[in-house]
PDB file of N, CA and C in Angstrom:
ATOM      1  N   MET A   1     -42.338  11.885 -14.583  1.00  0.00           N
ATOM      2  CA  MET A   1     -41.946  11.045 -15.704  1.00  0.00           C
ATOM      3  C   MET A   1     -40.681  10.270 -15.340  1.00  0.00           C
ATOM      4  N   ASP A   2     -40.752   8.960 -15.457  1.00  0.00           N
ATOM      5  CA  ASP A   2     -39.591   8.180 -15.069  1.00  0.00           C
ATOM      6  C   ASP A   2     -38.633   7.947 -16.271  1.00  0.00           C
ATOM      7  N   ARG A   3     -37.506   7.352 -16.007  1.00  0.00           N
ATOM      8  CA  ARG A   3     -36.451   7.184 -17.016  1.00  0.00           C
ATOM      9  C   ARG A   3     -36.939   6.394 -18.237  1.00  0.00           C
ATOM     10  N   THR A   4     -37.787   5.375 -17.989  1.00  0.00           N
ATOM     11  CA  THR A   4     -38.285   4.555 -19.107  1.00  0.00           C
ATOM     12  C   THR A   4     -39.204   5.390 -20.012  1.00  0.00           C
ATOM     13  N   ASP A   5     -40.054   6.242 -19.407  1.00  0.00           N
ATOM     14  CA  ASP A   5     -40.906   7.096 -20.188  1.00  0.00           C
ATOM     15  C   ASP A   5     -40.101   8.086 -21.036  1.00  0.00           C
ATOM     16  N   ILE A   6     -39.079   8.659 -20.404  1.00  0.00           N
ATOM     17  CA  ILE A   6     -38.222   9.610 -21.153  1.00  0.00           C
ATOM     18  C   ILE A   6     -37.478   8.890 -22.285  1.00  0.00           C
ATOM     19  N   LEU A   7     -36.949   7.718 -22.027  1.00  0.00           N
ATOM     20  CA  LEU A   7     -36.253   6.984 -23.069  1.00  0.00           C
ATOM     21  C   LEU A   7     -37.181   6.642 -24.228  1.00  0.00           C
ATOM     22  N   ASP A   8     -38.404   6.234 -23.888  1.00  0.00           N
ATOM     23  CA  ASP A   8     -39.390   5.929 -24.973  1.00  0.00           C
ATOM     24  C   ASP A   8     -39.660   7.158 -25.814  1.00  0.00           C
ATOM     25  N   LYS A   9     -39.828   8.333 -25.184  1.00  0.00           N
ATOM     26  CA  LYS A   9     -40.057   9.539 -25.932  1.00  0.00           C
ATOM     27  C   LYS A   9     -38.838   9.935 -26.763  1.00  0.00           C
ATOM     28  N   LEU A  10     -37.679   9.733 -26.200  1.00  0.00           N
ATOM     29  CA  LEU A  10     -36.440  10.043 -26.992  1.00  0.00           C
ATOM     30  C   LEU A  10     -36.333   9.152 -28.212  1.00  0.00           C
ATOM     31  N   ARG A  11     -36.737   7.923 -28.080  1.00  0.00           N
ATOM     32  CA  ARG A  11     -36.786   7.020 -29.231  1.00  0.00           C
ATOM     33  C   ARG A  11     -37.693   7.595 -30.341  1.00  0.00           C
ATOM     34  N   ASP A  12     -38.906   8.063 -29.892  1.00  0.00           N
ATOM     35  CA  ASP A  12     -39.861   8.652 -30.861  1.00  0.00           C
ATOM     36  C   ASP A  12     -39.232   9.882 -31.495  1.00  0.00           C
ATOM     37  N   ILE A  13     -38.628  10.735 -30.730  1.00  0.00           N
ATOM     38  CA  ILE A  13     -37.994  11.943 -31.279  1.00  0.00           C
ATOM     39  C   ILE A  13     -36.868  11.595 -32.220  1.00  0.00           C
ATOM     40  N   TYR A  14     -36.104  10.579 -31.907  1.00  0.00           N
ATOM     41  CA  TYR A  14     -35.015  10.124 -32.797  1.00  0.00           C
ATOM     42  C   TYR A  14     -35.562   9.714 -34.160  1.00  0.00           C
ATOM     43  N   VAL A  15     -36.635   9.007 -34.175  1.00  0.00           N
ATOM     44  CA  VAL A  15     -37.267   8.618 -35.451  1.00  0.00           C
ATOM     45  C   VAL A  15     -37.654   9.811 -36.293  1.00  0.00           C
ATOM     46  N   MET A  16     -38.169  10.840 -35.648  1.00  0.00           N
ATOM     47  CA  MET A  16     -38.559  12.074 -36.370  1.00  0.00           C
ATOM     48  C   MET A  16     -37.331  12.884 -36.789  1.00  0.00           C
ATOM     49  N   ALA A  17     -36.338  12.942 -35.911  1.00  0.00           N
ATOM     50  CA  ALA A  17     -35.158  13.839 -36.187  1.00  0.00           C
ATOM     51  C   ALA A  17     -34.170  13.226 -37.140  1.00  0.00           C
ATOM     52  N   VAL A  18     -34.155  11.889 -37.222  1.00  0.00           N
ATOM     53  CA  VAL A  18     -33.193  11.199 -38.081  1.00  0.00           C
ATOM     54  C   VAL A  18     -33.949  10.297 -39.064  1.00  0.00           C
ATOM     55  N   PRO A  19     -34.527  10.886 -40.085  1.00  0.00           N
ATOM     56  CA  PRO A  19     -35.328  10.064 -40.982  1.00  0.00           C
ATOM     57  C   PRO A  19     -34.551   8.998 -41.745  1.00  0.00           C
ATOM     58  N   ASP A  20     -33.250   9.213 -41.892  1.00  0.00           N
ATOM     59  CA  ASP A  20     -32.418   8.215 -42.570  1.00  0.00           C
ATOM     60  C   ASP A  20     -31.620   7.362 -41.595  1.00  0.00           C
ATOM     61  N   ALA A  21     -32.179   7.165 -40.405  1.00  0.00           N
ATOM     62  CA  ALA A  21     -31.488   6.488 -39.313  1.00  0.00           C
ATOM     63  C   ALA A  21     -31.035   5.083 -39.721  1.00  0.00           C
ATOM     64  N   LYS A  22     -29.819   4.761 -39.308  1.00  0.00           N
ATOM     65  CA  LYS A  22     -29.291   3.438 -39.577  1.00  0.00           C
ATOM     66  C   LYS A  22     -29.445   2.506 -38.370  1.00  0.00           C
ATOM     67  N   VAL A  23     -29.981   3.084 -37.293  1.00  0.00           N
ATOM     68  CA  VAL A  23     -30.207   2.343 -36.042  1.00  0.00           C
ATOM     69  C   VAL A  23     -31.706   2.306 -35.806  1.00  0.00           C
ATOM     70  N   ASP A  24     -32.205   1.108 -35.493  1.00  0.00           N
ATOM     71  CA  ASP A  24     -33.650   0.949 -35.180  1.00  0.00           C
ATOM     72  C   ASP A  24     -33.855   1.580 -33.805  1.00  0.00           C
ATOM     73  N   ALA A  25     -34.789   2.495 -33.668  1.00  0.00           N
ATOM     74  CA  ALA A  25     -34.990   3.244 -32.465  1.00  0.00           C
ATOM     75  C   ALA A  25     -35.338   2.321 -31.289  1.00  0.00           C
ATOM     76  N   SER A  26     -35.906   1.162 -31.561  1.00  0.00           N
ATOM     77  CA  SER A  26     -36.298   0.230 -30.497  1.00  0.00           C
ATOM     78  C   SER A  26     -35.081  -0.338 -29.732  1.00  0.00           C
ATOM     79  N   VAL A  27     -33.906  -0.257 -30.332  1.00  0.00           N
ATOM     80  CA  VAL A  27     -32.712  -0.841 -29.675  1.00  0.00           C
ATOM     81  C   VAL A  27     -31.874   0.229 -28.962  1.00  0.00           C
ATOM     82  N   ILE A  28     -32.322   1.473 -28.954  1.00  0.00           N
ATOM     83  CA  ILE A  28     -31.592   2.548 -28.298  1.00  0.00           C
ATOM     84  C   ILE A  28     -31.639   2.327 -26.795  1.00  0.00           C
ATOM     85  N   THR A  29     -30.439   2.397 -26.193  1.00  0.00           N
ATOM     86  CA  THR A  29     -30.286   2.234 -24.742  1.00  0.00           C
ATOM     87  C   THR A  29     -29.603   3.449 -24.182  1.00  0.00           C
ATOM     88  N   GLU A  30     -29.643   3.555 -22.835  1.00  0.00           N
ATOM     89  CA  GLU A  30     -29.011   4.679 -22.149  1.00  0.00           C
ATOM     90  C   GLU A  30     -27.520   4.788 -22.399  1.00  0.00           C
ATOM     91  N   GLY A  31     -26.861   3.702 -22.633  1.00  0.00           N
ATOM     92  CA  GLY A  31     -25.417   3.698 -22.780  1.00  0.00           C
ATOM     93  C   GLY A  31     -24.935   4.088 -24.183  1.00  0.00           C
ATOM     94  N   MET A  32     -25.842   4.249 -25.133  1.00  0.00           N
ATOM     95  CA  MET A  32     -25.431   4.560 -26.510  1.00  0.00           C
ATOM     96  C   MET A  32     -25.008   5.990 -26.676  1.00  0.00           C
ATOM     97  N   ASN A  33     -23.872   6.171 -27.412  1.00  0.00           N
ATOM     98  CA  ASN A  33     -23.351   7.503 -27.724  1.00  0.00           C
ATOM     99  C   ASN A  33     -24.206   8.105 -28.860  1.00  0.00           C
ATOM    100  N   LEU A  34     -24.506   9.394 -28.697  1.00  0.00           N
ATOM    101  CA  LEU A  34     -25.358  10.079 -29.665  1.00  0.00           C
ATOM    102  C   LEU A  34     -24.766  10.148 -31.054  1.00  0.00           C
ATOM    103  N   LEU A  35     -23.508  10.384 -31.136  1.00  0.00           N
ATOM    104  CA  LEU A  35     -22.867  10.530 -32.459  1.00  0.00           C
ATOM    105  C   LEU A  35     -22.351   9.241 -33.012  1.00  0.00           C
ATOM    106  N   THR A  36     -21.584   8.518 -32.230  1.00  0.00           N
ATOM    107  CA  THR A  36     -20.968   7.296 -32.789  1.00  0.00           C
ATOM    108  C   THR A  36     -21.936   6.126 -32.909  1.00  0.00           C
ATOM    109  N   ASP A  37     -22.728   5.878 -31.848  1.00  0.00           N
ATOM    110  CA  ASP A  37     -23.639   4.736 -31.899  1.00  0.00           C
ATOM    111  C   ASP A  37     -24.904   5.012 -32.695  1.00  0.00           C
ATOM    112  N   LEU A  38     -25.402   6.253 -32.612  1.00  0.00           N
ATOM    113  CA  LEU A  38     -26.659   6.564 -33.281  1.00  0.00           C
ATOM    114  C   LEU A  38     -26.444   7.247 -34.622  1.00  0.00           C
ATOM    115  N   GLY A  39     -25.211   7.615 -34.933  1.00  0.00           N
ATOM    116  CA  GLY A  39     -24.869   8.152 -36.221  1.00  0.00           C
ATOM    117  C   GLY A  39     -25.546   9.458 -36.541  1.00  0.00           C
ATOM    118  N   MET A  40     -25.689  10.340 -35.545  1.00  0.00           N
ATOM    119  CA  MET A  40     -26.382  11.548 -35.752  1.00  0.00           C
ATOM    120  C   MET A  40     -25.465  12.637 -36.286  1.00  0.00           C
ATOM    121  N   SER A  41     -25.975  13.420 -37.191  1.00  0.00           N
ATOM    122  CA  SER A  41     -25.220  14.588 -37.707  1.00  0.00           C
ATOM    123  C   SER A  41     -25.538  15.780 -36.821  1.00  0.00           C
ATOM    124  N   SER A  42     -24.875  16.898 -37.079  1.00  0.00           N
ATOM    125  CA  SER A  42     -25.162  18.096 -36.307  1.00  0.00           C
ATOM    126  C   SER A  42     -26.580  18.616 -36.575  1.00  0.00           C
ATOM    127  N   ILE A  43     -27.073  18.435 -37.785  1.00  0.00           N
ATOM    128  CA  ILE A  43     -28.436  18.822 -38.113  1.00  0.00           C
ATOM    129  C   ILE A  43     -29.435  17.937 -37.355  1.00  0.00           C
ATOM    130  N   ASN A  44     -29.153  16.603 -37.290  1.00  0.00           N
ATOM    131  CA  ASN A  44     -30.009  15.713 -36.568  1.00  0.00           C
ATOM    132  C   ASN A  44     -30.057  16.093 -35.062  1.00  0.00           C
ATOM    133  N   LEU A  45     -28.860  16.471 -34.511  1.00  0.00           N
ATOM    134  CA  LEU A  45     -28.808  16.875 -33.120  1.00  0.00           C
ATOM    135  C   LEU A  45     -29.649  18.139 -32.894  1.00  0.00           C
ATOM    136  N   LEU A  46     -29.571  19.069 -33.835  1.00  0.00           N
ATOM    137  CA  LEU A  46     -30.355  20.292 -33.703  1.00  0.00           C
ATOM    138  C   LEU A  46     -31.826  19.987 -33.680  1.00  0.00           C
ATOM    139  N   TYR A  47     -32.280  19.157 -34.574  1.00  0.00           N
ATOM    140  CA  TYR A  47     -33.715  18.727 -34.587  1.00  0.00           C
ATOM    141  C   TYR A  47     -34.079  18.019 -33.288  1.00  0.00           C
ATOM    142  N   MET A  48     -33.200  17.203 -32.794  1.00  0.00           N
ATOM    143  CA  MET A  48     -33.463  16.514 -31.510  1.00  0.00           C
ATOM    144  C   MET A  48     -33.604  17.499 -30.382  1.00  0.00           C
ATOM    145  N   VAL A  49     -32.724  18.479 -30.297  1.00  0.00           N
ATOM    146  CA  VAL A  49     -32.769  19.456 -29.219  1.00  0.00           C
ATOM    147  C   VAL A  49     -34.094  20.242 -29.304  1.00  0.00           C
ATOM    148  N   ILE A  50     -34.443  20.702 -30.496  1.00  0.00           N
ATOM    149  CA  ILE A  50     -35.701  21.468 -30.627  1.00  0.00           C
ATOM    150  C   ILE A  50     -36.899  20.620 -30.226  1.00  0.00           C
ATOM    151  N   ALA A  51     -36.951  19.385 -30.665  1.00  0.00           N
ATOM    152  CA  ALA A  51     -38.089  18.508 -30.322  1.00  0.00           C
ATOM    153  C   ALA A  51     -38.117  18.220 -28.788  1.00  0.00           C
ATOM    154  N   MET A  52     -36.927  17.983 -28.198  1.00  0.00           N
ATOM    155  CA  MET A  52     -36.913  17.715 -26.753  1.00  0.00           C
ATOM    156  C   MET A  52     -37.335  18.912 -25.976  1.00  0.00           C
ATOM    157  N   GLU A  53     -36.852  20.097 -26.379  1.00  0.00           N
ATOM    158  CA  GLU A  53     -37.259  21.340 -25.673  1.00  0.00           C
ATOM    159  C   GLU A  53     -38.773  21.516 -25.738  1.00  0.00           C
ATOM    160  N   GLU A  54     -39.339  21.286 -26.911  1.00  0.00           N
ATOM    161  CA  GLU A  54     -40.777  21.447 -27.045  1.00  0.00           C
ATOM    162  C   GLU A  54     -41.559  20.385 -26.265  1.00  0.00           C
ATOM    163  N   PHE A  55     -41.185  19.124 -26.385  1.00  0.00           N
ATOM    164  CA  PHE A  55     -41.940  18.065 -25.764  1.00  0.00           C
ATOM    165  C   PHE A  55     -41.848  18.166 -24.207  1.00  0.00           C
ATOM    166  N   PHE A  56     -40.619  18.281 -23.709  1.00  0.00           N
ATOM    167  CA  PHE A  56     -40.382  18.249 -22.277  1.00  0.00           C
ATOM    168  C   PHE A  56     -40.533  19.602 -21.622  1.00  0.00           C
ATOM    169  N   ASP A  57     -40.746  20.662 -22.417  1.00  0.00           N
ATOM    170  CA  ASP A  57     -40.886  22.038 -21.947  1.00  0.00           C
ATOM    171  C   ASP A  57     -39.680  22.442 -21.092  1.00  0.00           C
ATOM    172  N   ILE A  58     -38.498  22.214 -21.682  1.00  0.00           N
ATOM    173  CA  ILE A  58     -37.232  22.584 -21.004  1.00  0.00           C
ATOM    174  C   ILE A  58     -36.386  23.384 -22.024  1.00  0.00           C
ATOM    175  N   ARG A  59     -35.287  23.903 -21.557  1.00  0.00           N
ATOM    176  CA  ARG A  59     -34.341  24.587 -22.438  1.00  0.00           C
ATOM    177  C   ARG A  59     -32.926  24.036 -22.122  1.00  0.00           C
ATOM    178  N   PHE A  60     -32.194  23.723 -23.194  1.00  0.00           N
ATOM    179  CA  PHE A  60     -30.826  23.358 -23.029  1.00  0.00           C
ATOM    180  C   PHE A  60     -29.933  24.601 -23.081  1.00  0.00           C
ATOM    181  N   ASP A  61     -30.176  25.469 -22.114  1.00  0.00           N
ATOM    182  CA  ASP A  61     -29.531  26.793 -22.135  1.00  0.00           C
ATOM    183  C   ASP A  61     -28.232  26.864 -21.346  1.00  0.00           C
ATOM    184  N   ASP A  62     -27.889  25.893 -20.541  1.00  0.00           N
ATOM    185  CA  ASP A  62     -26.700  25.924 -19.753  1.00  0.00           C
ATOM    186  C   ASP A  62     -25.678  24.857 -20.126  1.00  0.00           C
ATOM    187  N   VAL A  63     -25.899  24.187 -21.269  1.00  0.00           N
ATOM    188  CA  VAL A  63     -25.006  23.120 -21.710  1.00  0.00           C
ATOM    189  C   VAL A  63     -24.937  23.129 -23.243  1.00  0.00           C
ATOM    190  N   SER A  64     -23.896  22.503 -23.747  1.00  0.00           N
ATOM    191  CA  SER A  64     -23.796  22.218 -25.137  1.00  0.00           C
ATOM    192  C   SER A  64     -24.218  20.775 -25.331  1.00  0.00           C
ATOM    193  N   PHE A  65     -24.860  20.430 -26.408  1.00  0.00           N
ATOM    194  CA  PHE A  65     -25.323  19.080 -26.594  1.00  0.00           C
ATOM    195  C   PHE A  65     -24.113  18.124 -26.679  1.00  0.00           C
ATOM    196  N   GLY A  66     -22.947  18.644 -27.018  1.00  0.00           N
ATOM    197  CA  GLY A  66     -21.734  17.848 -27.037  1.00  0.00           C
ATOM    198  C   GLY A  66     -21.271  17.474 -25.673  1.00  0.00           C
ATOM    199  N   ASP A  67     -21.820  18.070 -24.628  1.00  0.00           N
ATOM    200  CA  ASP A  67     -21.464  17.762 -23.238  1.00  0.00           C
ATOM    201  C   ASP A  67     -22.010  16.388 -22.792  1.00  0.00           C
ATOM    202  N   PHE A  68     -22.937  15.830 -23.559  1.00  0.00           N
ATOM    203  CA  PHE A  68     -23.559  14.544 -23.205  1.00  0.00           C
ATOM    204  C   PHE A  68     -22.855  13.400 -23.895  1.00  0.00           C
ATOM    205  N   ALA A  69     -22.309  12.491 -23.066  1.00  0.00           N
ATOM    206  CA  ALA A  69     -21.586  11.364 -23.635  1.00  0.00           C
ATOM    207  C   ALA A  69     -22.534  10.304 -24.194  1.00  0.00           C
ATOM    208  N   ASN A  70     -23.707  10.201 -23.580  1.00  0.00           N
ATOM    209  CA  ASN A  70     -24.650   9.161 -24.038  1.00  0.00           C
ATOM    210  C   ASN A  70     -26.092   9.530 -23.713  1.00  0.00           C
ATOM    211  N   VAL A  71     -26.975   8.662 -24.165  1.00  0.00           N
ATOM    212  CA  VAL A  71     -28.406   8.902 -23.965  1.00  0.00           C
ATOM    213  C   VAL A  71     -28.774   9.007 -22.491  1.00  0.00           C
ATOM    214  N   GLY A  72     -28.116   8.212 -21.638  1.00  0.00           N
ATOM    215  CA  GLY A  72     -28.434   8.279 -20.198  1.00  0.00           C
ATOM    216  C   GLY A  72     -28.153   9.642 -19.600  1.00  0.00           C
ATOM    217  N   GLU A  73     -27.115  10.332 -20.056  1.00  0.00           N
ATOM    218  CA  GLU A  73     -26.818  11.667 -19.572  1.00  0.00           C
ATOM    219  C   GLU A  73     -27.863  12.677 -20.037  1.00  0.00           C
ATOM    220  N   VAL A  74     -28.432  12.457 -21.192  1.00  0.00           N
ATOM    221  CA  VAL A  74     -29.498  13.338 -21.662  1.00  0.00           C
ATOM    222  C   VAL A  74     -30.714  13.131 -20.761  1.00  0.00           C
ATOM    223  N   ILE A  75     -31.005  11.863 -20.438  1.00  0.00           N
ATOM    224  CA  ILE A  75     -32.156  11.601 -19.537  1.00  0.00           C
ATOM    225  C   ILE A  75     -31.912  12.223 -18.154  1.00  0.00           C
ATOM    226  N   ASP A  76     -30.677  12.113 -17.612  1.00  0.00           N
ATOM    227  CA  ASP A  76     -30.367  12.758 -16.351  1.00  0.00           C
ATOM    228  C   ASP A  76     -30.630  14.246 -16.410  1.00  0.00           C
ATOM    229  N   TYR A  77     -30.225  14.881 -17.501  1.00  0.00           N
ATOM    230  CA  TYR A  77     -30.393  16.325 -17.635  1.00  0.00           C
ATOM    231  C   TYR A  77     -31.894  16.670 -17.677  1.00  0.00           C
ATOM    232  N   ILE A  78     -32.666  15.901 -18.476  1.00  0.00           N
ATOM    233  CA  ILE A  78     -34.090  16.175 -18.531  1.00  0.00           C
ATOM    234  C   ILE A  78     -34.753  16.005 -17.203  1.00  0.00           C
ATOM    235  N   GLN A  79     -34.413  14.964 -16.463  1.00  0.00           N
ATOM    236  CA  GLN A  79     -34.984  14.749 -15.152  1.00  0.00           C
ATOM    237  C   GLN A  79     -34.636  15.901 -14.205  1.00  0.00           C
ATOM    238  N   LYS A  80     -33.371  16.383 -14.275  1.00  0.00           N
ATOM    239  CA  LYS A  80     -32.937  17.508 -13.451  1.00  0.00           C
ATOM    240  C   LYS A  80     -33.731  18.752 -13.777  1.00  0.00           C
ATOM    241  N   LYS A  81     -33.910  19.007 -15.069  1.00  0.00           N
ATOM    242  CA  LYS A  81     -34.643  20.212 -15.480  1.00  0.00           C
ATOM    243  C   LYS A  81     -36.129  20.158 -15.117  1.00  0.00           C
ATOM    244  N   LYS A  82     -36.676  18.938 -15.075  1.00  0.00           N
ATOM    245  CA  LYS A  82     -38.091  18.779 -14.779  1.00  0.00           C
ATOM    246  C   LYS A  82     -38.387  18.742 -13.247  1.00  0.00           C
ATOM    247  N   ALA A  83     -37.327  18.612 -12.471  1.00  0.00           N
ATOM    248  CA  ALA A  83     -37.506  18.494 -11.015  1.00  0.00           C
ATOM    249  C   ALA A  83     -37.947  19.804 -10.376  1.00  0.00           C
TER     250      ALA A  83
END
């Protein structure tokens, strides 16, 4: 799975996890900050983590989601876990 595929899936997950999103998922880029740019709450983040773990069949067991500065770092982590 390449970066573009992962980003597309993260956009889909964002739509599900943040039903009251103020950002159109189609404009999400790797450089966007999860909290400030995407306006996610801690509950939204929790839903995102659960959905990502299920979809990508990975576990965020060695990091805190706050360790990720932006969407690109989440993609890096997913690629590392899938390697």
